[in-house]
Amino acid sequence: MTQRTVVLIKPDGVEKHIVGEIISRFEKAGLRVVALKMVRLTQQILDVWYAHHKDKPFFPSLSAAMMSTPVVAFILEGDGAIQKVFDICGPTDPAEAAPGTIRKDFGVDKPHNVVHRSDSAEAAQKEIGLLFTKEELF
């Protein structure tokens, strides 16, 4: 089944100058980029994006980190895209990720794991709506 999902290259990934390397891994796996832009996240966006973390003690530092530089946001499309993206990124904690995954290869710890990915079709739909207009999808 063809799905769409969101990936953010987080500030630590942007600062490492690995944007092209990350996008290339998804394209080589057969996923198609249907939208791409650089954006500076706002507190308003993050309050919705990470609503499930809003009451946790780490939320203020998470928000500050995500707003520290622009992020690269893109939408990938393909058969089973959500699972493919998970497999390419690896789990949230780079220490638990398999060699060859983005988070193992470039991540440092949970907060600095280089990428965010939608974890479900519902999350992808919400995240697409927060960052992209219909005119930006190709």
N, C-alpha and C. Protein backbone atom coordinates (compact mmCIF):
# COMPACT_ATOMS: atom_id res chain seq x y z
N MET A 1 0.84 -1.19 0.00
CA MET A 1 0.00 0.00 0.00
C MET A 1 0.88 1.25 0.00
N THR A 2 0.57 2.17 -0.90
CA THR A 2 1.32 3.41 -0.99
C THR A 2 0.97 4.30 0.20
N GLN A 3 2.01 4.77 0.87
CA GLN A 3 1.84 5.65 2.03
C GLN A 3 2.71 6.88 1.86
N ARG A 4 2.35 7.90 2.60
CA ARG A 4 3.19 9.09 2.73
C ARG A 4 3.59 9.23 4.19
N THR A 5 4.80 9.69 4.41
CA THR A 5 5.30 9.88 5.77
C THR A 5 6.25 11.07 5.79
N VAL A 6 6.43 11.64 6.96
CA VAL A 6 7.27 12.82 7.14
C VAL A 6 8.59 12.44 7.79
N VAL A 7 9.65 13.07 7.30
CA VAL A 7 10.96 12.98 7.94
C VAL A 7 11.44 14.40 8.17
N LEU A 8 11.99 14.64 9.36
CA LEU A 8 12.69 15.90 9.64
C LEU A 8 14.15 15.57 9.86
N ILE A 9 15.02 16.30 9.21
CA ILE A 9 16.43 16.25 9.58
C ILE A 9 16.58 17.32 10.63
N LYS A 10 16.80 16.86 11.85
CA LYS A 10 16.81 17.73 13.02
C LYS A 10 18.05 18.62 13.03
N PRO A 11 18.06 19.64 13.92
CA PRO A 11 19.20 20.56 13.95
C PRO A 11 20.57 19.88 14.02
N ASP A 12 20.70 18.79 14.79
CA ASP A 12 22.01 18.15 14.86
C ASP A 12 22.40 17.54 13.52
N GLY A 13 21.44 17.07 12.75
CA GLY A 13 21.73 16.54 11.42
C GLY A 13 22.09 17.63 10.43
N VAL A 14 21.37 18.77 10.51
CA VAL A 14 21.68 19.91 9.64
C VAL A 14 23.09 20.41 9.94
N GLU A 15 23.43 20.51 11.22
CA GLU A 15 24.76 21.01 11.62
C GLU A 15 25.88 20.07 11.20
N LYS A 16 25.60 18.78 11.03
CA LYS A 16 26.62 17.82 10.61
C LYS A 16 26.81 17.79 9.09
N HIS A 17 26.01 18.55 8.36
CA HIS A 17 26.11 18.63 6.90
C HIS A 17 25.92 17.26 6.25
N ILE A 18 24.86 16.54 6.67
CA ILE A 18 24.58 15.20 6.14
C ILE A 18 23.19 15.12 5.50
N VAL A 19 22.64 16.27 5.15
CA VAL A 19 21.30 16.32 4.57
C VAL A 19 21.23 15.46 3.30
N GLY A 20 22.15 15.65 2.39
CA GLY A 20 22.16 14.89 1.14
C GLY A 20 22.32 13.40 1.36
N GLU A 21 23.19 13.03 2.28
CA GLU A 21 23.41 11.61 2.61
C GLU A 21 22.13 10.97 3.12
N ILE A 22 21.42 11.68 3.98
CA ILE A 22 20.18 11.14 4.55
C ILE A 22 19.11 10.97 3.47
N ILE A 23 18.90 11.99 2.68
CA ILE A 23 17.88 11.90 1.62
C ILE A 23 18.24 10.78 0.64
N SER A 24 19.49 10.66 0.32
CA SER A 24 19.95 9.62 -0.60
C SER A 24 19.61 8.21 -0.11
N ARG A 25 19.72 7.99 1.17
CA ARG A 25 19.40 6.65 1.71
C ARG A 25 17.94 6.28 1.46
N PHE A 26 17.06 7.26 1.60
CA PHE A 26 15.64 6.99 1.36
C PHE A 26 15.37 6.77 -0.13
N GLU A 27 15.98 7.59 -0.97
CA GLU A 27 15.78 7.43 -2.42
C GLU A 27 16.32 6.09 -2.91
N LYS A 28 17.47 5.69 -2.40
CA LYS A 28 18.05 4.40 -2.81
C LYS A 28 17.18 3.22 -2.38
N ALA A 29 16.35 3.43 -1.36
CA ALA A 29 15.43 2.38 -0.90
C ALA A 29 14.12 2.38 -1.69
N GLY A 30 14.03 3.23 -2.70
CA GLY A 30 12.85 3.26 -3.55
C GLY A 30 11.76 4.21 -3.12
N LEU A 31 12.01 5.04 -2.13
CA LEU A 31 11.02 6.03 -1.71
C LEU A 31 11.17 7.30 -2.54
N ARG A 32 10.06 7.95 -2.78
CA ARG A 32 10.04 9.14 -3.62
C ARG A 32 9.79 10.38 -2.76
N VAL A 33 10.61 11.42 -2.97
CA VAL A 33 10.41 12.69 -2.28
C VAL A 33 9.29 13.43 -3.01
N VAL A 34 8.20 13.73 -2.27
CA VAL A 34 7.06 14.44 -2.89
C VAL A 34 6.92 15.87 -2.37
N ALA A 35 7.71 16.23 -1.37
CA ALA A 35 7.77 17.60 -0.85
C ALA A 35 9.07 17.74 -0.07
N LEU A 36 9.65 18.94 -0.12
CA LEU A 36 10.93 19.16 0.55
C LEU A 36 11.10 20.65 0.80
N LYS A 37 11.46 21.00 2.04
CA LYS A 37 11.77 22.40 2.34
C LYS A 37 12.54 22.51 3.64
N MET A 38 13.16 23.66 3.80
CA MET A 38 13.83 23.99 5.05
C MET A 38 12.88 24.92 5.80
N VAL A 39 12.71 24.65 7.09
CA VAL A 39 11.75 25.43 7.87
C VAL A 39 12.26 25.61 9.29
N ARG A 40 11.94 26.74 9.86
CA ARG A 40 12.25 26.97 11.28
C ARG A 40 10.98 26.66 12.07
N LEU A 41 11.06 25.65 12.93
CA LEU A 41 9.91 25.26 13.74
C LEU A 41 9.63 26.33 14.79
N THR A 42 8.35 26.46 15.15
CA THR A 42 7.94 27.42 16.17
C THR A 42 7.42 26.66 17.39
N GLN A 43 7.28 27.35 18.49
CA GLN A 43 6.72 26.72 19.69
C GLN A 43 5.29 26.26 19.42
N GLN A 44 4.52 27.05 18.66
CA GLN A 44 3.15 26.66 18.33
C GLN A 44 3.11 25.32 17.60
N ILE A 45 3.98 25.15 16.62
CA ILE A 45 4.04 23.89 15.87
C ILE A 45 4.45 22.76 16.80
N LEU A 46 5.47 22.98 17.61
CA LEU A 46 5.98 21.93 18.49
C LEU A 46 4.98 21.53 19.57
N ASP A 47 4.17 22.47 20.02
CA ASP A 47 3.13 22.15 21.02
C ASP A 47 2.14 21.13 20.46
N VAL A 48 1.86 21.22 19.17
CA VAL A 48 0.95 20.26 18.53
C VAL A 48 1.72 18.99 18.15
N TRP A 49 2.90 19.18 17.54
CA TRP A 49 3.72 18.07 17.05
C TRP A 49 4.04 17.08 18.17
N TYR A 50 4.49 17.62 19.30
CA TYR A 50 4.89 16.80 20.44
C TYR A 50 3.89 16.91 21.59
N ALA A 51 2.61 16.99 21.26
CA ALA A 51 1.57 17.14 22.30
C ALA A 51 1.67 16.03 23.34
N HIS A 52 2.06 14.84 22.93
CA HIS A 52 2.18 13.70 23.85
C HIS A 52 3.34 13.85 24.83
N HIS A 53 4.24 14.81 24.56
CA HIS A 53 5.38 15.06 25.46
C HIS A 53 5.24 16.37 26.23
N LYS A 54 4.19 17.13 25.95
CA LYS A 54 4.07 18.49 26.47
C LYS A 54 4.18 18.60 27.99
N ASP A 55 3.71 17.61 28.72
CA ASP A 55 3.74 17.66 30.18
C ASP A 55 4.97 16.99 30.78
N LYS A 56 5.88 16.55 29.96
CA LYS A 56 7.07 15.85 30.46
C LYS A 56 8.18 16.86 30.75
N PRO A 57 9.04 16.56 31.71
CA PRO A 57 10.07 17.53 32.11
C PRO A 57 11.07 17.88 31.01
N PHE A 58 11.25 17.01 30.03
CA PHE A 58 12.22 17.29 28.98
C PHE A 58 11.65 18.12 27.82
N PHE A 59 10.33 18.40 27.85
CA PHE A 59 9.72 19.11 26.73
C PHE A 59 10.34 20.49 26.44
N PRO A 60 10.62 21.32 27.46
CA PRO A 60 11.23 22.62 27.15
C PRO A 60 12.59 22.49 26.45
N SER A 61 13.42 21.55 26.88
CA SER A 61 14.73 21.40 26.23
C SER A 61 14.57 20.79 24.84
N LEU A 62 13.60 19.89 24.67
CA LEU A 62 13.32 19.33 23.34
C LEU A 62 12.90 20.45 22.39
N SER A 63 12.00 21.30 22.84
CA SER A 63 11.54 22.42 22.01
C SER A 63 12.69 23.35 21.66
N ALA A 64 13.48 23.70 22.64
CA ALA A 64 14.62 24.60 22.39
C ALA A 64 15.57 24.00 21.35
N ALA A 65 15.85 22.72 21.48
CA ALA A 65 16.76 22.06 20.54
C ALA A 65 16.17 22.06 19.13
N MET A 66 14.89 21.78 19.01
CA MET A 66 14.25 21.70 17.69
C MET A 66 14.12 23.07 17.03
N MET A 67 14.17 24.14 17.83
CA MET A 67 14.08 25.49 17.27
C MET A 67 15.45 26.14 17.11
N SER A 68 16.53 25.44 17.45
CA SER A 68 17.86 26.05 17.46
C SER A 68 18.39 26.37 16.07
N THR A 69 18.00 25.64 15.08
CA THR A 69 18.34 25.92 13.68
C THR A 69 17.14 25.50 12.84
N PRO A 70 17.10 25.93 11.59
CA PRO A 70 16.07 25.38 10.72
C PRO A 70 16.26 23.86 10.58
N VAL A 71 15.18 23.18 10.26
CA VAL A 71 15.23 21.74 9.99
C VAL A 71 14.89 21.54 8.52
N VAL A 72 15.28 20.39 7.99
CA VAL A 72 14.89 20.02 6.64
C VAL A 72 13.72 19.06 6.78
N ALA A 73 12.58 19.46 6.22
CA ALA A 73 11.35 18.67 6.31
C ALA A 73 11.02 18.13 4.93
N PHE A 74 10.69 16.85 4.87
CA PHE A 74 10.29 16.29 3.59
C PHE A 74 9.28 15.17 3.78
N ILE A 75 8.54 14.94 2.72
CA ILE A 75 7.54 13.89 2.68
C ILE A 75 8.04 12.83 1.71
N LEU A 76 8.01 11.60 2.17
CA LEU A 76 8.38 10.46 1.33
C LEU A 76 7.13 9.66 1.01
N GLU A 77 7.10 9.09 -0.19
CA GLU A 77 5.97 8.30 -0.63
C GLU A 77 6.47 6.98 -1.20
N GLY A 78 5.72 5.92 -0.93
CA GLY A 78 6.05 4.61 -1.49
C GLY A 78 5.29 3.52 -0.80
N ASP A 79 5.43 2.32 -1.33
CA ASP A 79 4.79 1.16 -0.73
C ASP A 79 5.39 0.91 0.65
N GLY A 80 4.52 0.85 1.67
CA GLY A 80 4.99 0.60 3.03
C GLY A 80 5.99 1.63 3.52
N ALA A 81 5.80 2.89 3.12
CA ALA A 81 6.78 3.94 3.42
C ALA A 81 7.06 4.10 4.92
N ILE A 82 6.04 3.98 5.75
CA ILE A 82 6.24 4.20 7.19
C ILE A 82 7.21 3.17 7.76
N GLN A 83 7.02 1.91 7.43
CA GLN A 83 7.92 0.86 7.92
C GLN A 83 9.30 0.97 7.29
N LYS A 84 9.36 1.28 5.99
CA LYS A 84 10.67 1.44 5.33
C LYS A 84 11.48 2.54 5.98
N VAL A 85 10.82 3.66 6.28
CA VAL A 85 11.51 4.78 6.91
C VAL A 85 11.98 4.38 8.31
N PHE A 86 11.15 3.66 9.05
CA PHE A 86 11.59 3.18 10.37
C PHE A 86 12.83 2.31 10.23
N ASP A 87 12.82 1.39 9.27
CA ASP A 87 13.95 0.48 9.08
C ASP A 87 15.23 1.24 8.72
N ILE A 88 15.11 2.27 7.92
CA ILE A 88 16.28 3.04 7.50
C ILE A 88 16.79 3.93 8.63
N CYS A 89 15.87 4.48 9.43
CA CYS A 89 16.27 5.37 10.54
C CYS A 89 16.78 4.57 11.74
N GLY A 90 16.14 3.47 12.07
CA GLY A 90 16.44 2.74 13.28
C GLY A 90 15.64 3.29 14.44
N PRO A 91 15.71 2.62 15.61
CA PRO A 91 14.96 3.09 16.77
C PRO A 91 15.46 4.44 17.27
N THR A 92 14.65 5.07 18.11
CA THR A 92 14.93 6.42 18.62
C THR A 92 16.30 6.53 19.28
N ASP A 93 16.68 5.52 20.03
CA ASP A 93 17.97 5.54 20.74
C ASP A 93 19.06 4.97 19.83
N PRO A 94 20.01 5.79 19.41
CA PRO A 94 21.08 5.30 18.54
C PRO A 94 21.84 4.09 19.12
N ALA A 95 21.89 3.99 20.44
CA ALA A 95 22.59 2.86 21.07
C ALA A 95 21.89 1.54 20.78
N GLU A 96 20.59 1.60 20.49
CA GLU A 96 19.81 0.39 20.20
C GLU A 96 19.66 0.13 18.71
N ALA A 97 20.14 1.06 17.89
CA ALA A 97 19.96 0.95 16.44
C ALA A 97 21.00 0.02 15.82
N ALA A 98 20.60 -0.61 14.74
CA ALA A 98 21.50 -1.52 14.03
C ALA A 98 22.51 -0.75 13.20
N PRO A 99 23.71 -1.31 13.02
CA PRO A 99 24.70 -0.68 12.14
C PRO A 99 24.09 -0.47 10.75
N GLY A 100 24.43 0.66 10.15
CA GLY A 100 23.91 0.98 8.83
C GLY A 100 22.65 1.81 8.84
N THR A 101 22.02 1.98 10.01
CA THR A 101 20.85 2.85 10.09
C THR A 101 21.32 4.29 10.30
N ILE A 102 20.48 5.23 9.96
CA ILE A 102 20.84 6.65 10.09
C ILE A 102 21.17 6.99 11.53
N ARG A 103 20.34 6.56 12.46
CA ARG A 103 20.56 6.93 13.86
C ARG A 103 21.82 6.28 14.43
N LYS A 104 22.15 5.07 14.03
CA LYS A 104 23.38 4.43 14.51
C LYS A 104 24.60 5.12 13.91
N ASP A 105 24.51 5.42 12.61
CA ASP A 105 25.66 6.00 11.90
C ASP A 105 25.93 7.45 12.30
N PHE A 106 24.89 8.22 12.62
CA PHE A 106 25.08 9.65 12.85
C PHE A 106 24.59 10.16 14.20
N GLY A 107 23.74 9.40 14.89
CA GLY A 107 23.17 9.86 16.15
C GLY A 107 24.13 9.73 17.31
N VAL A 108 23.88 10.51 18.35
CA VAL A 108 24.70 10.51 19.56
C VAL A 108 23.92 9.91 20.73
N ASP A 109 22.69 10.37 20.90
CA ASP A 109 21.82 9.90 21.97
C ASP A 109 20.38 10.17 21.55
N LYS A 110 19.42 9.87 22.42
CA LYS A 110 18.01 10.05 22.05
C LYS A 110 17.68 11.47 21.59
N PRO A 111 18.11 12.50 22.34
CA PRO A 111 17.78 13.85 21.88
C PRO A 111 18.52 14.26 20.60
N HIS A 112 19.66 13.66 20.36
CA HIS A 112 20.50 14.01 19.21
C HIS A 112 20.62 12.80 18.30
N ASN A 113 19.47 12.42 17.72
CA ASN A 113 19.44 11.22 16.88
C ASN A 113 19.23 11.54 15.40
N VAL A 114 19.46 12.78 15.03
CA VAL A 114 19.56 13.28 13.66
C VAL A 114 18.23 13.41 12.92
N VAL A 115 17.30 12.48 13.11
CA VAL A 115 16.06 12.53 12.34
C VAL A 115 14.82 12.29 13.20
N HIS A 116 13.74 12.88 12.77
CA HIS A 116 12.42 12.54 13.28
C HIS A 116 11.71 11.85 12.12
N ARG A 117 10.87 10.87 12.44
CA ARG A 117 10.05 10.22 11.43
C ARG A 117 8.66 10.02 12.00
N SER A 118 7.67 10.09 11.13
CA SER A 118 6.29 9.81 11.56
C SER A 118 6.22 8.35 12.00
N ASP A 119 5.53 8.10 13.12
CA ASP A 119 5.47 6.72 13.62
C ASP A 119 4.18 6.00 13.26
N SER A 120 3.29 6.68 12.53
CA SER A 120 2.03 6.05 12.11
C SER A 120 1.44 6.88 10.96
N ALA A 121 0.46 6.30 10.29
CA ALA A 121 -0.23 7.02 9.22
C ALA A 121 -0.93 8.26 9.77
N GLU A 122 -1.50 8.12 10.98
CA GLU A 122 -2.20 9.26 11.60
C GLU A 122 -1.21 10.38 11.94
N ALA A 123 -0.06 10.02 12.49
CA ALA A 123 0.97 11.03 12.80
C ALA A 123 1.46 11.70 11.53
N ALA A 124 1.66 10.92 10.47
CA ALA A 124 2.12 11.48 9.21
C ALA A 124 1.12 12.50 8.68
N GLN A 125 -0.15 12.17 8.72
CA GLN A 125 -1.18 13.08 8.24
C GLN A 125 -1.17 14.39 9.04
N LYS A 126 -1.06 14.28 10.36
CA LYS A 126 -1.02 15.47 11.22
C LYS A 126 0.21 16.31 10.90
N GLU A 127 1.37 15.66 10.80
CA GLU A 127 2.63 16.37 10.57
C GLU A 127 2.67 17.02 9.18
N ILE A 128 2.13 16.33 8.19
CA ILE A 128 2.06 16.93 6.85
C ILE A 128 1.24 18.21 6.92
N GLY A 129 0.09 18.15 7.61
CA GLY A 129 -0.77 19.33 7.73
C GLY A 129 -0.14 20.48 8.49
N LEU A 130 0.75 20.18 9.43
CA LEU A 130 1.41 21.24 10.19
C LEU A 130 2.49 21.97 9.39
N LEU A 131 3.10 21.28 8.44
CA LEU A 131 4.27 21.86 7.76
C LEU A 131 4.09 22.16 6.28
N PHE A 132 3.12 21.52 5.63
CA PHE A 132 3.02 21.66 4.18
C PHE A 132 1.61 22.04 3.76
N THR A 133 1.53 22.84 2.69
CA THR A 133 0.25 23.14 2.06
C THR A 133 0.05 22.14 0.91
N LYS A 134 -1.16 22.00 0.44
CA LYS A 134 -1.44 21.10 -0.69
C LYS A 134 -0.62 21.49 -1.92
N GLU A 135 -0.37 22.79 -2.08
CA GLU A 135 0.39 23.27 -3.23
C GLU A 135 1.87 22.87 -3.17
N GLU A 136 2.34 22.48 -2.01
CA GLU A 136 3.74 22.08 -1.85
C GLU A 136 3.97 20.59 -2.06
N LEU A 137 2.89 19.83 -2.26
CA LEU A 137 3.00 18.39 -2.49
C LEU A 137 3.01 18.09 -3.97
N PHE A 138 3.95 17.27 -4.40
CA PHE A 138 4.09 16.97 -5.82
C PHE A 138 4.05 15.47 -6.06
